[in-house]
């Protein structure tokens, strides 16, 4: 009889589908899944998408399938990156709402219930986000501005200020729009930009998730950071030019701020490439030239151009003696080049 009830519950349409991509997260996955199972709102399904893990993550997934077969599904893929894993999860969802949880983050017990109440209070909302607290640090990860604000303009000004693990989105928004699996980085930012004009945003300013920043997962100078930052630069420039052509009044009051963001991103992409042995000389020279074109009056960009001809190890040593030269922007949302966009 218990098995029959489990099947019946599995066949019922859940209110929320929770997509959790997993890649080598054996140390954190149990806490993440438990935080969903312990939600005060229990009308959900969990879709665990293993992205070719080589640690014990698959064993942990199998354990939860046995523990909660009525609500836990699993998809096992060859390693293809977080975007592909999330898209595979979205394709399997049945819920009216889709929520995302990175496999090393943790929800507070009332997260889903509070977001659903927010949606009930304003049926026009199709994208509900909340604040996030950094795990173990008792401080906000990113500050969400007070409403109302233009979501696309804020993305251009501030970057991806809403982290994916906070989001609850109506499935209709994701029927035709998915994560771009070809992008090396900035996948969340790209998705939010493409959805922004269709989003009716609801915000809960109280932190309802714990966002984990892992030292072993931050891409940093030796990962794909320069590619992520350059991709961010390209997206901002593309959207700015589009808005300047199609709706200049929409961006007019913030245009100077967005141009400053472009200058900063161009400088950072060129700087990070200097320290990265993966970046070929041609790539470094190209990024340096873009930085100079964006801000020809910044002398540091010309120094970066000259340093582009030096080996990455030499540039790392030079940076060690010039701590004040490090870019001050901390894009901590890039937990991992491959797992968090």
Protein backbone atom coordinates (compact mmCIF):
# COMPACT_ATOMS: atom_id res chain seq x y z
CA UNK A 1 0.00 0.00 0.00
CA UNK A 2 2.86 2.38 0.79
CA UNK A 3 4.32 1.85 -2.68
CA UNK A 4 0.98 2.55 -4.26
CA UNK A 5 0.66 5.81 -2.35
CA UNK A 6 4.16 6.79 -3.40
CA UNK A 7 3.30 6.19 -7.06
CA UNK A 8 0.08 8.15 -6.73
CA UNK A 9 1.93 11.10 -5.18
CA UNK A 10 4.58 10.91 -7.91
CA UNK A 11 1.89 11.03 -10.62
CA UNK A 12 0.17 14.07 -9.07
CA UNK A 13 1.26 17.41 -10.52
CA UNK A 14 3.44 19.15 -7.95
CA UNK A 15 3.17 22.85 -7.27
CA UNK A 16 6.96 23.36 -7.45
CA UNK A 17 9.73 21.50 -9.27
CA UNK A 18 13.16 21.96 -7.68
CA UNK A 19 16.12 21.48 -10.05
CA UNK A 20 19.47 20.73 -8.40
CA UNK A 21 22.54 20.34 -10.64
CA UNK A 22 25.29 18.22 -9.07
CA UNK A 23 28.96 17.93 -9.93
CA UNK A 24 31.30 16.43 -7.33
CA UNK A 25 29.46 17.83 -4.32
CA UNK A 26 29.58 14.89 -1.91
CA UNK A 27 30.53 17.16 1.00
CA UNK A 28 27.55 19.49 0.56
CA UNK A 29 24.77 17.73 -1.35
CA UNK A 30 23.07 16.10 1.65
CA UNK A 31 22.61 19.41 3.43
CA UNK A 32 21.20 21.00 0.26
CA UNK A 33 18.66 18.22 -0.39
CA UNK A 34 17.65 18.08 3.28
CA UNK A 35 16.93 21.81 3.18
CA UNK A 36 14.34 21.12 0.47
CA UNK A 37 12.85 18.06 2.15
CA UNK A 38 12.46 20.10 5.35
CA UNK A 39 10.47 22.89 3.70
CA UNK A 40 7.26 23.94 5.44
CA UNK A 41 5.61 23.75 2.00
CA UNK A 42 5.72 20.09 0.97
CA UNK A 43 4.08 20.30 -2.48
CA UNK A 44 7.20 19.78 -4.60
CA UNK A 45 9.31 17.37 -6.60
CA UNK A 46 13.11 17.32 -6.52
CA UNK A 47 15.06 16.67 -9.71
CA UNK A 48 18.72 15.87 -9.03
CA UNK A 49 20.81 16.16 -12.19
CA UNK A 50 24.22 14.56 -11.85
CA UNK A 51 26.65 16.14 -14.31
CA UNK A 52 29.10 13.25 -14.55
CA UNK A 53 30.31 13.32 -10.94
CA UNK A 54 33.39 11.24 -10.11
CA UNK A 55 33.06 11.39 -6.32
CA UNK A 56 30.32 9.87 -4.10
CA UNK A 57 27.59 12.24 -5.33
CA UNK A 58 25.80 9.50 -7.26
CA UNK A 59 25.66 7.29 -4.17
CA UNK A 60 24.14 10.16 -2.20
CA UNK A 61 21.56 10.75 -4.96
CA UNK A 62 20.63 7.05 -4.93
CA UNK A 63 20.19 7.19 -1.16
CA UNK A 64 17.69 10.05 -1.44
CA UNK A 65 15.82 8.22 -4.20
CA UNK A 66 15.37 5.30 -1.81
CA UNK A 67 14.54 7.60 1.12
CA UNK A 68 11.92 9.72 -0.68
CA UNK A 69 10.88 7.93 -3.90
CA UNK A 70 7.62 9.85 -3.99
CA UNK A 71 9.32 13.18 -4.70
CA UNK A 72 12.97 12.61 -5.68
CA UNK A 73 13.94 11.95 -9.30
CA UNK A 74 17.45 11.61 -10.71
CA UNK A 75 19.02 12.25 -14.09
CA UNK A 76 22.56 11.05 -14.81
CA UNK A 77 24.53 12.77 -17.56
CA UNK A 78 28.00 12.79 -18.96
CA UNK A 79 29.84 15.91 -17.87
CA UNK A 80 28.52 18.83 -19.90
CA UNK A 81 28.40 21.77 -17.50
CA UNK A 82 25.81 23.38 -15.27
CA UNK A 83 23.77 24.92 -18.09
CA UNK A 84 23.22 21.53 -19.74
CA UNK A 85 22.39 19.96 -16.37
CA UNK A 86 19.83 22.65 -15.54
CA UNK A 87 18.26 22.41 -19.00
CA UNK A 88 17.91 18.64 -18.62
CA UNK A 89 16.25 19.22 -15.26
CA UNK A 90 13.87 21.85 -16.66
CA UNK A 91 12.79 19.46 -19.44
CA UNK A 92 11.75 16.93 -16.78
CA UNK A 93 9.82 19.31 -14.52
CA UNK A 94 6.06 19.00 -14.04
CA UNK A 95 5.39 21.74 -11.51
CA UNK A 96 3.58 25.03 -12.04
CA UNK A 97 6.68 26.77 -10.62
CA UNK A 98 10.36 25.93 -11.09
CA UNK A 99 12.95 26.61 -8.41
CA UNK A 100 16.70 26.19 -8.68
CA UNK A 101 19.10 25.21 -5.95
CA UNK A 102 22.84 24.83 -6.42
CA UNK A 103 23.99 21.63 -4.76
CA UNK A 104 26.15 23.45 -2.21
CA UNK A 105 23.61 26.09 -1.15
CA UNK A 106 20.97 25.72 1.57
CA UNK A 107 17.37 26.95 1.81
CA UNK A 108 15.77 28.13 5.01
CA UNK A 109 12.65 26.07 5.94
CA UNK A 110 10.10 28.73 4.91
CA UNK A 111 11.72 29.69 1.60
CA UNK A 112 9.15 28.16 -0.74
CA UNK A 113 6.16 29.01 1.44
CA UNK A 114 7.07 32.69 1.68
CA UNK A 115 7.69 32.97 -2.05
CA UNK A 116 4.40 31.29 -2.89
CA UNK A 117 2.58 33.65 -0.51
CA UNK A 118 4.26 36.57 -2.30
CA UNK A 119 3.03 35.18 -5.62
CA UNK A 120 -0.52 34.75 -4.27
CA UNK A 121 -0.49 38.36 -3.06
CA UNK A 122 0.23 39.58 -6.61
CA UNK A 123 -0.82 37.08 -9.31
CA UNK A 124 1.01 39.14 -11.95
CA UNK A 125 4.37 38.10 -10.49
CA UNK A 126 6.00 35.28 -12.42
CA UNK A 127 9.52 35.51 -10.99
CA UNK A 128 9.99 35.63 -7.22
CA UNK A 129 13.44 36.21 -5.75
CA UNK A 130 14.69 36.69 -2.21
CA UNK A 131 17.82 37.94 -0.52
CA UNK A 132 20.67 35.54 0.28
CA UNK A 133 22.96 35.33 3.27
CA UNK A 134 26.54 34.10 2.89
CA UNK A 135 26.85 30.73 4.57
CA UNK A 136 28.60 31.04 7.92
CA UNK A 137 29.21 34.80 7.67
CA UNK A 138 25.90 36.31 8.77
CA UNK A 139 25.89 38.98 6.09
CA UNK A 140 23.98 39.52 2.87
CA UNK A 141 25.50 38.19 -0.33
CA UNK A 142 24.13 40.94 -2.56
CA UNK A 143 21.78 43.82 -1.87
CA UNK A 144 18.58 43.87 -3.89
CA UNK A 145 17.40 47.44 -4.56
CA UNK A 146 14.01 48.66 -3.40
CA UNK A 147 11.26 48.36 -5.98
CA UNK A 148 10.15 49.55 -8.43
CA UNK A 149 13.13 49.30 -10.77
CA UNK A 150 13.77 48.34 -14.39
CA UNK A 151 15.13 44.79 -14.13
CA UNK A 152 17.12 44.89 -17.37
CA UNK A 153 18.67 48.27 -16.58
CA UNK A 154 19.61 47.07 -13.08
CA UNK A 155 21.26 43.98 -14.57
CA UNK A 156 23.35 46.22 -16.84
CA UNK A 157 24.27 48.51 -13.95
CA UNK A 158 24.87 45.93 -11.22
CA UNK A 159 25.46 42.58 -12.87
CA UNK A 160 23.66 39.43 -11.73
CA UNK A 161 22.47 40.79 -8.37
CA UNK A 162 19.91 37.99 -7.99
CA UNK A 163 21.48 34.58 -7.43
CA UNK A 164 19.82 31.58 -9.05
CA UNK A 165 19.28 29.58 -5.84
CA UNK A 166 16.85 32.29 -4.66
CA UNK A 167 14.62 32.19 -7.72
CA UNK A 168 11.11 30.77 -8.06
CA UNK A 169 9.85 31.15 -11.66
CA UNK A 170 6.63 30.19 -13.41
CA UNK A 171 7.36 27.37 -15.82
CA UNK A 172 5.76 29.32 -18.73
CA UNK A 173 8.77 31.63 -18.75
CA UNK A 174 11.11 28.70 -19.40
CA UNK A 175 9.13 26.83 -22.06
CA UNK A 176 11.01 28.50 -24.93
CA UNK A 177 13.94 30.09 -23.09
CA UNK A 178 16.68 27.95 -21.58
CA UNK A 179 20.26 28.35 -20.40
CA UNK A 180 22.77 28.81 -23.23
CA UNK A 181 24.95 25.70 -23.07
CA UNK A 182 27.55 27.22 -25.40
CA UNK A 183 28.53 29.99 -23.00
CA UNK A 184 31.75 29.57 -21.05
CA UNK A 185 30.42 31.75 -18.24
CA UNK A 186 27.73 34.28 -17.22
CA UNK A 187 24.95 31.80 -18.01
CA UNK A 188 22.57 33.07 -15.32
CA UNK A 189 23.20 36.67 -16.35
CA UNK A 190 22.48 35.80 -19.99
CA UNK A 191 19.23 33.99 -19.10
CA UNK A 192 18.01 36.84 -16.89
CA UNK A 193 18.74 39.40 -19.62
CA UNK A 194 16.80 37.41 -22.21
CA UNK A 195 13.86 36.96 -19.84
CA UNK A 196 13.96 40.44 -18.33
CA UNK A 197 11.27 42.07 -20.48
CA UNK A 198 8.86 39.20 -19.74
CA UNK A 199 9.53 39.08 -16.01
CA UNK A 200 7.07 40.49 -13.49
CA UNK A 201 9.32 40.57 -10.48
CA UNK A 202 8.44 39.93 -6.88
CA UNK A 203 11.09 40.47 -4.22
CA UNK A 204 11.42 39.26 -0.62
CA UNK A 205 14.19 41.32 0.95
CA UNK A 206 14.66 38.94 3.86
CA UNK A 207 17.38 36.31 3.26
CA UNK A 208 15.81 32.88 2.80
CA UNK A 209 18.86 30.99 1.56
CA UNK A 210 22.44 30.46 2.63
CA UNK A 211 24.78 30.99 -0.32
CA UNK A 212 28.02 29.06 0.03
CA UNK A 213 31.27 30.54 -1.28
CA UNK A 214 33.86 27.76 -1.50
CA UNK A 215 37.52 28.56 -1.85
CA UNK A 216 38.08 25.42 -3.91
CA UNK A 217 35.34 26.42 -6.35
CA UNK A 218 36.01 30.09 -7.04
CA UNK A 219 37.52 30.25 -10.51
CA UNK A 220 39.93 33.09 -9.70
CA UNK A 221 42.80 34.19 -11.90
CA UNK A 222 43.86 30.68 -12.94
CA UNK A 223 40.38 29.44 -13.89
CA UNK A 224 38.13 30.82 -16.59
CA UNK A 225 37.68 34.20 -14.96
CA UNK A 226 38.89 36.26 -17.93
CA UNK A 227 36.45 34.43 -20.22
CA UNK A 228 33.56 34.98 -17.81
CA UNK A 229 34.29 38.67 -17.41
CA UNK A 230 34.75 39.17 -21.16
CA UNK A 231 31.46 37.40 -21.82
CA UNK A 232 29.77 39.67 -19.25
CA UNK A 233 31.30 42.67 -21.05
CA UNK A 234 29.97 41.49 -24.41
CA UNK A 235 26.46 41.02 -23.07
CA UNK A 236 26.31 44.42 -21.41
CA UNK A 237 27.65 46.15 -24.53
CA UNK A 238 25.19 44.30 -26.76
CA UNK A 239 22.18 45.19 -24.60
CA UNK A 240 23.28 48.80 -24.16
CA UNK A 241 23.63 49.28 -27.92
CA UNK A 242 20.24 47.65 -28.49
CA UNK A 243 18.55 49.92 -25.97
CA UNK A 244 20.29 53.00 -27.38
CA UNK A 245 18.81 52.14 -30.79
CA UNK A 246 15.35 50.95 -29.81
CA UNK A 247 14.44 52.79 -26.60
CA UNK A 248 17.06 55.44 -25.71
CA UNK A 249 14.87 57.09 -23.05
CA UNK A 250 14.79 53.85 -21.07
CA UNK A 251 18.56 53.86 -20.54
CA UNK A 252 19.29 57.59 -20.69
CA UNK A 253 19.43 58.32 -16.95
CA UNK A 254 21.77 55.36 -16.31
CA UNK A 255 23.80 55.39 -19.51
CA UNK A 256 26.92 56.87 -17.91
CA UNK A 257 26.85 54.22 -15.17
CA UNK A 258 26.58 51.40 -17.70
CA UNK A 259 29.46 52.87 -19.72
CA UNK A 260 31.53 52.89 -16.52
CA UNK A 261 30.64 49.20 -16.02
CA UNK A 262 31.86 48.46 -19.54
CA UNK A 263 35.17 50.21 -18.86
CA UNK A 264 35.65 48.24 -15.66
CA UNK A 265 34.75 44.88 -17.21
CA UNK A 266 37.05 45.46 -20.18
CA UNK A 267 39.94 46.31 -17.85
CA UNK A 268 39.31 43.30 -15.61
CA UNK A 269 39.06 40.81 -18.48
CA UNK A 270 42.41 42.02 -19.85
CA UNK A 271 44.00 41.96 -16.40
CA UNK A 272 42.81 38.46 -15.50
CA UNK A 273 44.06 37.14 -18.87
CA UNK A 274 47.58 38.30 -17.99
CA UNK A 275 47.79 35.87 -15.09
CA UNK A 276 46.15 32.95 -16.87
CA UNK A 277 48.34 30.37 -18.64
CA UNK A 278 45.28 29.34 -20.68
CA UNK A 279 45.12 32.77 -22.33
CA UNK A 280 47.16 32.90 -25.54
CA UNK A 281 49.12 36.02 -26.42
CA UNK A 282 46.65 36.85 -29.19
CA UNK A 283 43.76 36.72 -26.73
CA UNK A 284 45.60 38.92 -24.24
CA UNK A 285 46.41 41.48 -26.91
CA UNK A 286 42.80 41.50 -28.10
CA UNK A 287 41.42 42.02 -24.58
CA UNK A 288 44.00 44.74 -23.91
CA UNK A 289 43.02 46.52 -27.12
CA UNK A 290 39.35 46.40 -26.10
CA UNK A 291 40.20 47.84 -22.67
CA UNK A 292 42.14 50.69 -24.30
CA UNK A 293 39.30 51.38 -26.76
CA UNK A 294 36.79 51.54 -23.87
CA UNK A 295 38.99 53.84 -21.77
CA UNK A 296 41.92 55.31 -23.72
CA UNK A 297 42.82 57.63 -20.84
CA UNK A 298 43.55 54.81 -18.35
CA UNK A 299 47.31 54.27 -18.24
CA UNK A 300 47.02 50.84 -16.60
CA UNK A 301 45.43 49.50 -19.77
CA UNK A 302 48.59 50.35 -21.74
CA UNK A 303 50.73 48.59 -19.15
CA UNK A 304 48.50 45.54 -19.50
CA UNK A 305 49.07 45.68 -23.26
CA UNK A 306 52.84 45.55 -22.72
CA UNK A 307 52.56 42.77 -20.13
CA UNK A 308 50.50 40.71 -22.55
CA UNK A 309 53.78 39.57 -24.13
CA UNK A 310 55.13 38.18 -20.84
CA UNK A 311 54.52 34.64 -19.52
CA UNK A 312 51.66 34.28 -17.06
CA UNK A 313 54.04 33.25 -14.25
CA UNK A 314 55.98 36.50 -14.63
CA UNK A 315 52.77 38.53 -14.51
CA UNK A 316 51.71 36.68 -11.36
CA UNK A 317 55.00 37.64 -9.69
CA UNK A 318 54.60 41.25 -10.76
CA UNK A 319 51.07 41.32 -9.36
CA UNK A 320 52.38 39.95 -6.07
CA UNK A 321 54.46 43.11 -5.62
CA UNK A 322 51.62 45.43 -6.66
CA UNK A 323 48.69 44.47 -4.45
CA UNK A 324 47.06 47.84 -5.00
CA UNK A 325 46.80 47.10 -8.71
CA UNK A 326 44.36 44.21 -8.27
CA UNK A 327 40.83 44.96 -9.54
CA UNK A 328 38.55 45.82 -6.66
CA UNK A 329 35.42 44.24 -8.14
CA UNK A 330 34.56 40.94 -6.49
CA UNK A 331 32.28 38.91 -8.75
CA UNK A 332 31.79 36.19 -6.14
CA UNK A 333 28.72 34.89 -7.95
CA UNK A 334 31.11 32.91 -10.14
CA UNK A 335 31.57 30.03 -7.73
CA UNK A 336 32.97 27.78 -10.39
CA UNK A 337 33.60 28.26 -14.08
CA UNK A 338 31.78 25.09 -14.99
CA UNK A 339 29.22 24.70 -12.24
CA UNK A 340 28.05 28.27 -11.46
CA UNK A 341 27.87 30.82 -14.20
